PDB file of all heavy atoms in Angstrom:
ATOM      1  N   ARG A   1     -23.702 -87.206 142.034  1.00  0.00           N
ATOM      2  CA  ARG A   1     -24.505 -86.942 140.829  1.00  0.00           C
ATOM      3  C   ARG A   1     -25.503 -88.073 140.583  1.00  0.00           C
ATOM      4  O   ARG A   1     -26.653 -87.821 140.201  1.00  0.00           O
ATOM      5  CB  ARG A   1     -23.602 -86.749 139.622  1.00  0.00           C
ATOM      6  CG  ARG A   1     -22.894 -85.416 139.637  1.00  0.00           C
ATOM      7  CD  ARG A   1     -22.087 -85.188 138.398  1.00  0.00           C
ATOM      8  NE  ARG A   1     -21.441 -83.881 138.466  1.00  0.00           N
ATOM      9  CZ  ARG A   1     -20.279 -83.606 137.914  1.00  0.00           C
ATOM     10  NH1 ARG A   1     -19.631 -84.509 137.232  1.00  0.00           N
ATOM     11  NH2 ARG A   1     -19.772 -82.393 138.027  1.00  0.00           N
ATOM     12  N   LEU A   2     -25.074 -89.298 140.792  1.00  0.00           N
ATOM     13  CA  LEU A   2     -25.969 -90.444 140.644  1.00  0.00           C
ATOM     14  C   LEU A   2     -27.108 -90.360 141.665  1.00  0.00           C
ATOM     15  O   LEU A   2     -28.268 -90.619 141.340  1.00  0.00           O
ATOM     16  CB  LEU A   2     -25.187 -91.746 140.804  1.00  0.00           C
ATOM     17  CG  LEU A   2     -25.945 -93.029 140.561  1.00  0.00           C
ATOM     18  CD1 LEU A   2     -26.414 -93.107 139.117  1.00  0.00           C
ATOM     19  CD2 LEU A   2     -25.066 -94.228 140.893  1.00  0.00           C
ATOM     20  N   PHE A   3     -26.778 -89.973 142.887  1.00  0.00           N
ATOM     21  CA  PHE A   3     -27.798 -89.779 143.919  1.00  0.00           C
ATOM     22  C   PHE A   3     -28.819 -88.735 143.482  1.00  0.00           C
ATOM     23  O   PHE A   3     -30.027 -88.935 143.594  1.00  0.00           O
ATOM     24  CB  PHE A   3     -27.132 -89.369 145.233  1.00  0.00           C
ATOM     25  CG  PHE A   3     -28.086 -88.794 146.233  1.00  0.00           C
ATOM     26  CD1 PHE A   3     -28.934 -89.612 146.954  1.00  0.00           C
ATOM     27  CD2 PHE A   3     -28.140 -87.425 146.446  1.00  0.00           C
ATOM     28  CE1 PHE A   3     -29.825 -89.078 147.874  1.00  0.00           C
ATOM     29  CE2 PHE A   3     -29.027 -86.882 147.358  1.00  0.00           C
ATOM     30  CZ  PHE A   3     -29.872 -87.717 148.070  1.00  0.00           C
ATOM     31  N   LEU A   4     -28.332 -87.588 142.968  1.00  0.00           N
ATOM     32  CA  LEU A   4     -29.237 -86.522 142.554  1.00  0.00           C
ATOM     33  C   LEU A   4     -30.152 -86.959 141.412  1.00  0.00           C
ATOM     34  O   LEU A   4     -31.320 -86.579 141.368  1.00  0.00           O
ATOM     35  CB  LEU A   4     -28.452 -85.281 142.125  1.00  0.00           C
ATOM     36  CG  LEU A   4     -27.716 -84.529 143.228  1.00  0.00           C
ATOM     37  CD1 LEU A   4     -26.947 -83.356 142.636  1.00  0.00           C
ATOM     38  CD2 LEU A   4     -28.658 -84.066 144.317  1.00  0.00           C
ATOM     39  N   GLU A   5     -29.633 -87.767 140.509  1.00  0.00           N
ATOM     40  CA  GLU A   5     -30.432 -88.250 139.382  1.00  0.00           C
ATOM     41  C   GLU A   5     -31.540 -89.208 139.818  1.00  0.00           C
ATOM     42  O   GLU A   5     -32.580 -89.286 139.173  1.00  0.00           O
ATOM     43  CB  GLU A   5     -29.538 -88.968 138.370  1.00  0.00           C
ATOM     44  CG  GLU A   5     -28.605 -88.050 137.614  1.00  0.00           C
ATOM     45  CD  GLU A   5     -27.598 -88.827 136.766  1.00  0.00           C
ATOM     46  OE1 GLU A   5     -27.752 -90.055 136.609  1.00  0.00           O
ATOM     47  OE2 GLU A   5     -26.652 -88.192 136.269  1.00  0.00           O
ATOM     48  N   ASN A   6     -31.314 -89.921 140.931  1.00  0.00           N
ATOM     49  CA  ASN A   6     -32.239 -90.981 141.336  1.00  0.00           C
ATOM     50  C   ASN A   6     -33.013 -90.688 142.607  1.00  0.00           C
ATOM     51  O   ASN A   6     -33.768 -91.530 143.079  1.00  0.00           O
ATOM     52  CB  ASN A   6     -31.469 -92.296 141.499  1.00  0.00           C
ATOM     53  CG  ASN A   6     -30.953 -92.797 140.179  1.00  0.00           C
ATOM     54  OD1 ASN A   6     -31.720 -93.261 139.355  1.00  0.00           O
ATOM     55  ND2 ASN A   6     -29.657 -92.665 139.954  1.00  0.00           N
ATOM     56  N   SER A   7     -32.827 -89.514 143.163  1.00  0.00           N
ATOM     57  CA  SER A   7     -33.478 -89.179 144.424  1.00  0.00           C
ATOM     58  C   SER A   7     -34.372 -87.956 144.252  1.00  0.00           C
ATOM     59  O   SER A   7     -34.073 -87.060 143.478  1.00  0.00           O
ATOM     60  CB  SER A   7     -32.426 -88.880 145.490  1.00  0.00           C
ATOM     61  OG  SER A   7     -33.032 -88.390 146.663  1.00  0.00           O
ATOM     62  N   THR A   8     -35.459 -87.925 144.992  1.00  0.00           N
ATOM     63  CA  THR A   8     -36.321 -86.740 144.986  1.00  0.00           C
ATOM     64  C   THR A   8     -35.977 -85.793 146.131  1.00  0.00           C
ATOM     65  O   THR A   8     -36.567 -84.723 146.237  1.00  0.00           O
ATOM     66  CB  THR A   8     -37.803 -87.143 145.094  1.00  0.00           C
ATOM     67  OG1 THR A   8     -38.005 -87.834 146.326  1.00  0.00           O
ATOM     68  CG2 THR A   8     -38.226 -88.013 143.934  1.00  0.00           C
ATOM     69  N   GLU A   9     -35.023 -86.179 146.971  1.00  0.00           N
ATOM     70  CA  GLU A   9     -34.679 -85.351 148.132  1.00  0.00           C
ATOM     71  C   GLU A   9     -34.197 -83.972 147.698  1.00  0.00           C
ATOM     72  O   GLU A   9     -34.654 -82.954 148.218  1.00  0.00           O
ATOM     73  CB  GLU A   9     -33.608 -86.026 148.978  1.00  0.00           C
ATOM     74  CG  GLU A   9     -33.207 -85.196 150.189  1.00  0.00           C
ATOM     75  CD  GLU A   9     -32.131 -85.838 151.029  1.00  0.00           C
ATOM     76  OE1 GLU A   9     -31.639 -86.913 150.672  1.00  0.00           O
ATOM     77  OE2 GLU A   9     -31.790 -85.248 152.053  1.00  0.00           O
ATOM     78  N   HIS A  10     -33.286 -83.916 146.745  1.00  0.00           N
ATOM     79  CA  HIS A  10     -32.742 -82.634 146.310  1.00  0.00           C
ATOM     80  C   HIS A  10     -33.851 -81.773 145.697  1.00  0.00           C
ATOM     81  O   HIS A  10     -33.952 -80.579 145.991  1.00  0.00           O
ATOM     82  CB  HIS A  10     -31.617 -82.856 145.298  1.00  0.00           C
ATOM     83  CG  HIS A  10     -30.967 -81.592 144.827  1.00  0.00           C
ATOM     84  ND1 HIS A  10     -30.113 -80.867 145.628  1.00  0.00           N
ATOM     85  CD2 HIS A  10     -31.053 -80.919 143.671  1.00  0.00           C
ATOM     86  CE1 HIS A  10     -29.701 -79.800 144.973  1.00  0.00           C
ATOM     87  NE2 HIS A  10     -30.256 -79.805 143.786  1.00  0.00           N
ATOM     88  N   GLN A  11     -34.687 -82.360 144.869  1.00  0.00           N
ATOM     89  CA  GLN A  11     -35.780 -81.611 144.236  1.00  0.00           C
ATOM     90  C   GLN A  11     -36.765 -81.112 145.294  1.00  0.00           C
ATOM     91  O   GLN A  11     -37.256 -79.990 145.204  1.00  0.00           O
ATOM     92  CB  GLN A  11     -36.501 -82.471 143.202  1.00  0.00           C
ATOM     93  CG  GLN A  11     -37.571 -81.714 142.436  1.00  0.00           C
ATOM     94  CD  GLN A  11     -37.014 -80.558 141.630  1.00  0.00           C
ATOM     95  OE1 GLN A  11     -35.975 -80.677 141.010  1.00  0.00           O
ATOM     96  NE2 GLN A  11     -37.702 -79.424 141.645  1.00  0.00           N
ATOM     97  N   SER A  12     -37.047 -81.940 146.288  1.00  0.00           N
ATOM     98  CA  SER A  12     -37.966 -81.529 147.356  1.00  0.00           C
ATOM     99  C   SER A  12     -37.407 -80.338 148.128  1.00  0.00           C
ATOM    100  O   SER A  12     -38.138 -79.394 148.439  1.00  0.00           O
ATOM    101  CB  SER A  12     -38.216 -82.691 148.317  1.00  0.00           C
ATOM    102  OG  SER A  12     -38.872 -83.737 147.660  1.00  0.00           O
ATOM    103  N   MET A  13     -36.126 -80.378 148.429  1.00  0.00           N
ATOM    104  CA  MET A  13     -35.500 -79.265 149.143  1.00  0.00           C
ATOM    105  C   MET A  13     -35.497 -78.005 148.274  1.00  0.00           C
ATOM    106  O   MET A  13     -35.783 -76.909 148.751  1.00  0.00           O
ATOM    107  CB  MET A  13     -34.064 -79.627 149.550  1.00  0.00           C
ATOM    108  CG  MET A  13     -33.995 -80.671 150.634  1.00  0.00           C
ATOM    109  SD  MET A  13     -34.775 -80.139 152.170  1.00  0.00           S
ATOM    110  CE  MET A  13     -33.711 -78.817 152.658  1.00  0.00           C
ATOM    111  N   GLN A  14     -35.194 -78.154 146.997  1.00  0.00           N
ATOM    112  CA  GLN A  14     -35.177 -77.002 146.098  1.00  0.00           C
ATOM    113  C   GLN A  14     -36.574 -76.394 145.982  1.00  0.00           C
ATOM    114  O   GLN A  14     -36.729 -75.175 145.996  1.00  0.00           O
ATOM    115  CB  GLN A  14     -34.659 -77.413 144.726  1.00  0.00           C
ATOM    116  CG  GLN A  14     -34.472 -76.239 143.794  1.00  0.00           C
ATOM    117  CD  GLN A  14     -33.784 -76.646 142.502  1.00  0.00           C
ATOM    118  OE1 GLN A  14     -33.333 -77.773 142.335  1.00  0.00           O
ATOM    119  NE2 GLN A  14     -33.693 -75.717 141.584  1.00  0.00           N
ATOM    120  N   ASP A  15     -37.601 -77.224 145.872  1.00  0.00           N
ATOM    121  CA  ASP A  15     -38.975 -76.729 145.810  1.00  0.00           C
ATOM    122  C   ASP A  15     -39.334 -75.948 147.070  1.00  0.00           C
ATOM    123  O   ASP A  15     -39.949 -74.884 147.006  1.00  0.00           O
ATOM    124  CB  ASP A  15     -39.964 -77.880 145.625  1.00  0.00           C
ATOM    125  CG  ASP A  15     -39.927 -78.474 144.233  1.00  0.00           C
ATOM    126  OD1 ASP A  15     -39.353 -77.845 143.317  1.00  0.00           O
ATOM    127  OD2 ASP A  15     -40.468 -79.582 144.061  1.00  0.00           O
ATOM    128  N   PHE A  16     -38.950 -76.483 148.233  1.00  0.00           N
ATOM    129  CA  PHE A  16     -39.227 -75.791 149.488  1.00  0.00           C
ATOM    130  C   PHE A  16     -38.533 -74.431 149.522  1.00  0.00           C
ATOM    131  O   PHE A  16     -39.148 -73.414 149.870  1.00  0.00           O
ATOM    132  CB  PHE A  16     -38.781 -76.619 150.696  1.00  0.00           C
ATOM    133  CG  PHE A  16     -38.888 -75.866 151.990  1.00  0.00           C
ATOM    134  CD1 PHE A  16     -40.119 -75.724 152.608  1.00  0.00           C
ATOM    135  CD2 PHE A  16     -37.776 -75.292 152.571  1.00  0.00           C
ATOM    136  CE1 PHE A  16     -40.236 -75.009 153.798  1.00  0.00           C
ATOM    137  CE2 PHE A  16     -37.880 -74.578 153.756  1.00  0.00           C
ATOM    138  CZ  PHE A  16     -39.117 -74.436 154.364  1.00  0.00           C
ATOM    139  N   VAL A  17     -37.252 -74.406 149.139  1.00  0.00           N
ATOM    140  CA  VAL A  17     -36.484 -73.158 149.164  1.00  0.00           C
ATOM    141  C   VAL A  17     -37.096 -72.133 148.221  1.00  0.00           C
ATOM    142  O   VAL A  17     -37.198 -70.952 148.557  1.00  0.00           O
ATOM    143  CB  VAL A  17     -35.000 -73.433 148.813  1.00  0.00           C
ATOM    144  CG1 VAL A  17     -34.252 -72.148 148.536  1.00  0.00           C
ATOM    145  CG2 VAL A  17     -34.329 -74.205 149.940  1.00  0.00           C
ATOM    146  N   GLU A  18     -37.527 -72.566 147.049  1.00  0.00           N
ATOM    147  CA  GLU A  18     -38.060 -71.625 146.065  1.00  0.00           C
ATOM    148  C   GLU A  18     -39.502 -71.212 146.350  1.00  0.00           C
ATOM    149  O   GLU A  18     -39.858 -70.052 146.147  1.00  0.00           O
ATOM    150  CB  GLU A  18     -37.968 -72.236 144.668  1.00  0.00           C
ATOM    151  CG  GLU A  18     -36.542 -72.382 144.185  1.00  0.00           C
ATOM    152  CD  GLU A  18     -36.443 -73.126 142.864  1.00  0.00           C
ATOM    153  OE1 GLU A  18     -37.475 -73.590 142.333  1.00  0.00           O
ATOM    154  OE2 GLU A  18     -35.298 -73.250 142.358  1.00  0.00           O
ATOM    155  N   ARG A  19     -40.332 -72.127 146.826  1.00  0.00           N
ATOM    156  CA  ARG A  19     -41.769 -71.848 146.968  1.00  0.00           C
ATOM    157  C   ARG A  19     -42.186 -71.371 148.359  1.00  0.00           C
ATOM    158  O   ARG A  19     -43.082 -70.548 148.486  1.00  0.00           O
ATOM    159  CB  ARG A  19     -42.581 -73.100 146.636  1.00  0.00           C
ATOM    160  CG  ARG A  19     -42.471 -73.520 145.208  1.00  0.00           C
ATOM    161  CD  ARG A  19     -43.303 -74.739 144.954  1.00  0.00           C
ATOM    162  NE  ARG A  19     -43.093 -75.237 143.609  1.00  0.00           N
ATOM    163  CZ  ARG A  19     -43.774 -76.213 143.075  1.00  0.00           C
ATOM    164  NH1 ARG A  19     -44.706 -76.819 143.756  1.00  0.00           N
ATOM    165  NH2 ARG A  19     -43.513 -76.608 141.843  1.00  0.00           N
ATOM    166  N   HIS A  20     -41.569 -71.913 149.408  1.00  0.00           N
ATOM    167  CA  HIS A  20     -42.059 -71.647 150.757  1.00  0.00           C
ATOM    168  C   HIS A  20     -41.115 -70.796 151.608  1.00  0.00           C
ATOM    169  O   HIS A  20     -41.577 -69.982 152.407  1.00  0.00           O
ATOM    170  CB  HIS A  20     -42.337 -72.967 151.486  1.00  0.00           C
ATOM    171  CG  HIS A  20     -43.328 -73.821 150.781  1.00  0.00           C
ATOM    172  ND1 HIS A  20     -44.668 -73.531 150.734  1.00  0.00           N
ATOM    173  CD2 HIS A  20     -43.170 -74.964 150.068  1.00  0.00           C
ATOM    174  CE1 HIS A  20     -45.303 -74.452 150.030  1.00  0.00           C
ATOM    175  NE2 HIS A  20     -44.412 -75.337 149.603  1.00  0.00           N
ATOM    176  N   LEU A  21     -39.825 -70.991 151.451  1.00  0.00           N
ATOM    177  CA  LEU A  21     -38.872 -70.303 152.320  1.00  0.00           C
ATOM    178  C   LEU A  21     -38.948 -68.784 152.229  1.00  0.00           C
ATOM    179  O   LEU A  21     -38.867 -68.115 153.270  1.00  0.00           O
ATOM    180  CB  LEU A  21     -37.451 -70.802 152.044  1.00  0.00           C
ATOM    181  CG  LEU A  21     -36.390 -70.368 153.047  1.00  0.00           C
ATOM    182  CD1 LEU A  21     -36.762 -70.809 154.466  1.00  0.00           C
ATOM    183  CD2 LEU A  21     -35.039 -70.932 152.657  1.00  0.00           C
ATOM    184  N   PRO A  22     -39.119 -68.182 151.043  1.00  0.00           N
ATOM    185  CA  PRO A  22     -39.211 -66.708 151.011  1.00  0.00           C
ATOM    186  C   PRO A  22     -40.338 -66.159 151.894  1.00  0.00           C
ATOM    187  O   PRO A  22     -40.152 -65.157 152.588  1.00  0.00           O
ATOM    188  CB  PRO A  22     -39.456 -66.402 149.534  1.00  0.00           C
ATOM    189  CG  PRO A  22     -38.814 -67.542 148.811  1.00  0.00           C
ATOM    190  CD  PRO A  22     -39.094 -68.734 149.683  1.00  0.00           C
ATOM    191  N   ASP A  23     -41.492 -66.822 151.888  1.00  0.00           N
ATOM    192  CA  ASP A  23     -42.597 -66.369 152.738  1.00  0.00           C
ATOM    193  C   ASP A  23     -42.295 -66.576 154.215  1.00  0.00           C
ATOM    194  O   ASP A  23     -42.652 -65.742 155.051  1.00  0.00           O
ATOM    195  CB  ASP A  23     -43.891 -67.105 152.372  1.00  0.00           C
ATOM    196  CG  ASP A  23     -44.400 -66.719 150.990  1.00  0.00           C
ATOM    197  OD1 ASP A  23     -44.088 -65.601 150.528  1.00  0.00           O
ATOM    198  OD2 ASP A  23     -45.114 -67.539 150.378  1.00  0.00           O
ATOM    199  N   VAL A  24     -41.639 -67.676 154.543  1.00  0.00           N
ATOM    200  CA  VAL A  24     -41.267 -67.937 155.939  1.00  0.00           C
ATOM    201  C   VAL A  24     -40.303 -66.864 156.417  1.00  0.00           C
ATOM    202  O   VAL A  24     -40.480 -66.279 157.497  1.00  0.00           O
ATOM    203  CB  VAL A  24     -40.643 -69.344 156.091  1.00  0.00           C
ATOM    204  CG1 VAL A  24     -40.058 -69.529 157.473  1.00  0.00           C
ATOM    205  CG2 VAL A  24     -41.667 -70.426 155.795  1.00  0.00           C
ATOM    206  N   ILE A  25     -39.291 -66.581 155.624  1.00  0.00           N
ATOM    207  CA  ILE A  25     -38.304 -65.560 156.008  1.00  0.00           C
ATOM    208  C   ILE A  25     -38.957 -64.188 156.109  1.00  0.00           C
ATOM    209  O   ILE A  25     -38.701 -63.437 157.053  1.00  0.00           O
ATOM    210  CB  ILE A  25     -37.129 -65.551 155.013  1.00  0.00           C
ATOM    211  CG1 ILE A  25     -36.337 -66.845 155.159  1.00  0.00           C
ATOM    212  CG2 ILE A  25     -36.239 -64.337 155.230  1.00  0.00           C
ATOM    213  CD1 ILE A  25     -35.251 -67.042 154.124  1.00  0.00           C
ATOM    214  N   ALA A  26     -39.818 -63.863 155.162  1.00  0.00           N
ATOM    215  CA  ALA A  26     -40.487 -62.557 155.183  1.00  0.00           C
ATOM    216  C   ALA A  26     -41.374 -62.398 156.409  1.00  0.00           C
ATOM    217  O   ALA A  26     -41.526 -61.293 156.938  1.00  0.00           O
ATOM    218  CB  ALA A  26     -41.309 -62.372 153.917  1.00  0.00           C
ATOM    219  N   SER A  27     -41.956 -63.479 156.896  1.00  0.00           N
ATOM    220  CA  SER A  27     -42.870 -63.390 158.033  1.00  0.00           C
ATOM    221  C   SER A  27     -42.158 -63.313 159.377  1.00  0.00           C
ATOM    222  O   SER A  27     -42.763 -62.939 160.372  1.00  0.00           O
ATOM    223  CB  SER A  27     -43.820 -64.594 158.040  1.00  0.00           C
ATOM    224  OG  SER A  27     -43.135 -65.777 158.404  1.00  0.00           O
ATOM    225  N   ILE A  28     -40.894 -63.635 159.419  1.00  0.00           N
ATOM    226  CA  ILE A  28     -40.162 -63.665 160.691  1.00  0.00           C
ATOM    227  C   ILE A  28     -40.141 -62.294 161.352  1.00  0.00           C
ATOM    228  O   ILE A  28     -40.309 -62.168 162.552  1.00  0.00           O
ATOM    229  CB  ILE A  28     -38.728 -64.200 160.480  1.00  0.00           C
ATOM    230  CG1 ILE A  28     -38.778 -65.686 160.144  1.00  0.00           C
ATOM    231  CG2 ILE A  28     -37.865 -63.958 161.715  1.00  0.00           C
ATOM    232  CD1 ILE A  28     -37.449 -66.290 159.759  1.00  0.00           C
ATOM    233  N   GLY A  29     -39.950 -61.253 160.582  1.00  0.00           N
ATOM    234  CA  GLY A  29     -39.821 -59.929 161.167  1.00  0.00           C
ATOM    235  C   GLY A  29     -41.080 -59.100 161.141  1.00  0.00           C
ATOM    236  O   GLY A  29     -41.018 -57.897 161.395  1.00  0.00           O
ATOM    237  N   ASN A  30     -42.229 -59.677 160.880  1.00  0.00           N
ATOM    238  CA  ASN A  30     -43.473 -58.907 160.824  1.00  0.00           C
ATOM    239  C   ASN A  30     -43.700 -58.097 162.091  1.00  0.00           C
ATOM    240  O   ASN A  30     -43.798 -58.643 163.180  1.00  0.00           O
ATOM    241  CB  ASN A  30     -44.676 -59.828 160.599  1.00  0.00           C
ATOM    242  CG  ASN A  30     -44.785 -60.295 159.160  1.00  0.00           C
ATOM    243  OD1 ASN A  30     -44.148 -59.755 158.277  1.00  0.00           O
ATOM    244  ND2 ASN A  30     -45.600 -61.301 158.937  1.00  0.00           N
ATOM    245  N   GLY A  31     -43.758 -56.781 161.923  1.00  0.00           N
ATOM    246  CA  GLY A  31     -44.055 -55.898 163.049  1.00  0.00           C
ATOM    247  C   GLY A  31     -42.904 -55.665 164.006  1.00  0.00           C
ATOM    248  O   GLY A  31     -43.087 -55.044 165.045  1.00  0.00           O
ATOM    249  N   LYS A  32     -41.717 -56.131 163.687  1.00  0.00           N
ATOM    250  CA  LYS A  32     -40.579 -55.969 164.595  1.00  0.00           C
ATOM    251  C   LYS A  32     -39.536 -55.065 163.951  1.00  0.00           C
ATOM    252  O   LYS A  32     -39.295 -55.119 162.758  1.00  0.00           O
ATOM    253  CB  LYS A  32     -39.951 -57.325 164.908  1.00  0.00           C
ATOM    254  CG  LYS A  32     -40.896 -58.268 165.620  1.00  0.00           C
ATOM    255  CD  LYS A  32     -40.234 -59.593 165.903  1.00  0.00           C
ATOM    256  CE  LYS A  32     -41.239 -60.531 166.575  1.00  0.00           C
ATOM    257  NZ  LYS A  32     -40.680 -61.834 166.802  1.00  0.00           N
ATOM    258  N   SER A  33     -38.917 -54.238 164.785  1.00  0.00           N
ATOM    259  CA  SER A  33     -37.875 -53.354 164.269  1.00  0.00           C
ATOM    260  C   SER A  33     -36.506 -54.037 164.272  1.00  0.00           C
ATOM    261  O   SER A  33     -35.616 -53.657 163.522  1.00  0.00           O
ATOM    262  CB  SER A  33     -37.816 -52.062 165.084  1.00  0.00           C
ATOM    263  OG  SER A  33     -37.536 -52.364 166.435  1.00  0.00           O
ATOM    264  N   THR A  34     -36.322 -55.044 165.123  1.00  0.00           N
ATOM    265  CA  THR A  34     -35.070 -55.810 165.163  1.00  0.00           C
ATOM    266  C   THR A  34     -35.390 -57.288 165.321  1.00  0.00           C
ATOM    267  O   THR A  34     -36.455 -57.660 165.830  1.00  0.00           O
ATOM    268  CB  THR A  34     -34.160 -55.382 166.334  1.00  0.00           C
ATOM    269  OG1 THR A  34     -34.843 -55.630 167.562  1.00  0.00           O
ATOM    270  CG2 THR A  34     -33.762 -53.931 166.236  1.00  0.00           C
ATOM    271  N   ILE A  35     -34.464 -58.086 164.899  1.00  0.00           N
ATOM    272  CA  ILE A  35     -34.602 -59.543 165.039  1.00  0.00           C
ATOM    273  C   ILE A  35     -33.324 -60.065 165.676  1.00  0.00           C
ATOM    274  O   ILE A  35     -32.230 -59.792 165.197  1.00  0.00           O
ATOM    275  CB  ILE A  35     -34.797 -60.223 163.667  1.00  0.00           C
ATOM    276  CG1 ILE A  35     -36.052 -59.708 162.983  1.00  0.00           C
ATOM    277  CG2 ILE A  35     -34.846 -61.737 163.818  1.00  0.00           C
ATOM    278  CD1 ILE A  35     -36.220 -60.198 161.567  1.00  0.00           C
ATOM    279  N   ASN A  36     -33.456 -60.819 166.762  1.00  0.00           N
ATOM    280  CA  ASN A  36     -32.315 -61.457 167.412  1.00  0.00           C
ATOM    281  C   ASN A  36     -32.244 -62.899 166.938  1.00  0.00           C
ATOM    282  O   ASN A  36     -33.244 -63.607 166.906  1.00  0.00           O
ATOM    283  CB  ASN A  36     -32.466 -61.423 168.935  1.00  0.00           C
ATOM    284  CG  ASN A  36     -32.470 -60.009 169.456  1.00  0.00           C
ATOM    285  OD1 ASN A  36     -31.713 -59.171 168.987  1.00  0.00           O
ATOM    286  ND2 ASN A  36     -33.338 -59.739 170.410  1.00  0.00           N
ATOM    287  N   VAL A  37     -31.034 -63.331 166.570  1.00  0.00           N
ATOM    288  CA  VAL A  37     -30.853 -64.675 166.036  1.00  0.00           C
ATOM    289  C   VAL A  37     -29.821 -65.407 166.875  1.00  0.00           C
ATOM    290  O   VAL A  37     -28.740 -64.880 167.147  1.00  0.00           O
ATOM    291  CB  VAL A  37     -30.386 -64.625 164.562  1.00  0.00           C
ATOM    292  CG1 VAL A  37     -30.111 -66.022 164.037  1.00  0.00           C
ATOM    293  CG2 VAL A  37     -31.402 -63.904 163.703  1.00  0.00           C
ATOM    294  N   LEU A  38     -30.137 -66.609 167.263  1.00  0.00           N
ATOM    295  CA  LEU A  38     -29.208 -67.485 167.967  1.00  0.00           C
ATOM    296  C   LEU A  38     -28.959 -68.684 167.071  1.00  0.00           C
ATOM    297  O   LEU A  38     -29.892 -69.398 166.688  1.00  0.00           O
ATOM    298  CB  LEU A  38     -29.796 -67.951 169.303  1.00  0.00           C
ATOM    299  CG  LEU A  38     -29.009 -69.026 170.048  1.00  0.00           C
ATOM    300  CD1 LEU A  38     -27.636 -68.496 170.452  1.00  0.00           C
ATOM    301  CD2 LEU A  38     -29.781 -69.496 171.262  1.00  0.00           C
ATOM    302  N   SER A  39     -27.710 -68.897 166.707  1.00  0.00           N
ATOM    303  CA  SER A  39     -27.355 -70.030 165.854  1.00  0.00           C
ATOM    304  C   SER A  39     -26.717 -71.103 166.715  1.00  0.00           C
ATOM    305  O   SER A  39     -25.708 -70.866 167.371  1.00  0.00           O
ATOM    306  CB  SER A  39     -26.384 -69.579 164.757  1.00  0.00           C
ATOM    307  OG  SER A  39     -25.954 -70.684 164.007  1.00  0.00           O
ATOM    308  N   VAL A  40     -27.312 -72.268 166.718  1.00  0.00           N
ATOM    309  CA  VAL A  40     -26.780 -73.393 167.471  1.00  0.00           C
ATOM    310  C   VAL A  40     -26.451 -74.496 166.472  1.00  0.00           C
ATOM    311  O   VAL A  40     -27.316 -74.968 165.754  1.00  0.00           O
ATOM    312  CB  VAL A  40     -27.793 -73.910 168.512  1.00  0.00           C
ATOM    313  CG1 VAL A  40     -27.236 -75.116 169.245  1.00  0.00           C
ATOM    314  CG2 VAL A  40     -28.166 -72.801 169.481  1.00  0.00           C
ATOM    315  N   GLY A  41     -25.200 -74.876 166.429  1.00  0.00           N
ATOM    316  CA  GLY A  41     -24.797 -75.932 165.511  1.00  0.00           C
ATOM    317  C   GLY A  41     -24.802 -75.496 164.063  1.00  0.00           C
ATOM    318  O   GLY A  41     -25.001 -76.307 163.174  1.00  0.00           O
ATOM    319  N   GLY A  42     -24.572 -74.223 163.825  1.00  0.00           N
ATOM    320  CA  GLY A  42     -24.611 -73.713 162.460  1.00  0.00           C
ATOM    321  C   GLY A  42     -23.289 -73.831 161.719  1.00  0.00           C
ATOM    322  O   GLY A  42     -23.184 -73.385 160.592  1.00  0.00           O
ATOM    323  N   GLY A  43     -22.300 -74.446 162.338  1.00  0.00           N
ATOM    324  CA  GLY A  43     -20.989 -74.561 161.696  1.00  0.00           C
ATOM    325  C   GLY A  43     -20.928 -75.691 160.682  1.00  0.00           C
ATOM    326  O   GLY A  43     -21.910 -76.369 160.406  1.00  0.00           O
ATOM    327  N   ALA A  44     -19.738 -75.894 160.149  1.00  0.00           N
ATOM    328  CA  ALA A  44     -19.526 -76.902 159.117  1.00  0.00           C
ATOM    329  C   ALA A  44     -19.245 -78.281 159.694  1.00  0.00           C
ATOM    330  O   ALA A  44     -18.984 -79.222 158.961  1.00  0.00           O
ATOM    331  CB  ALA A  44     -18.372 -76.468 158.216  1.00  0.00           C
TER     332      ALA A  44
END
């Protein structure tokens, strides 16, 4: 919590997710009927 209060990292990530990520995700499938996804290192 102290980190979040004193860092802009969390706010920067939240701004990206809210402002830019929806357009990025929407553009991924432009003109395609299917999308293949490979996840590398997506675990916890």
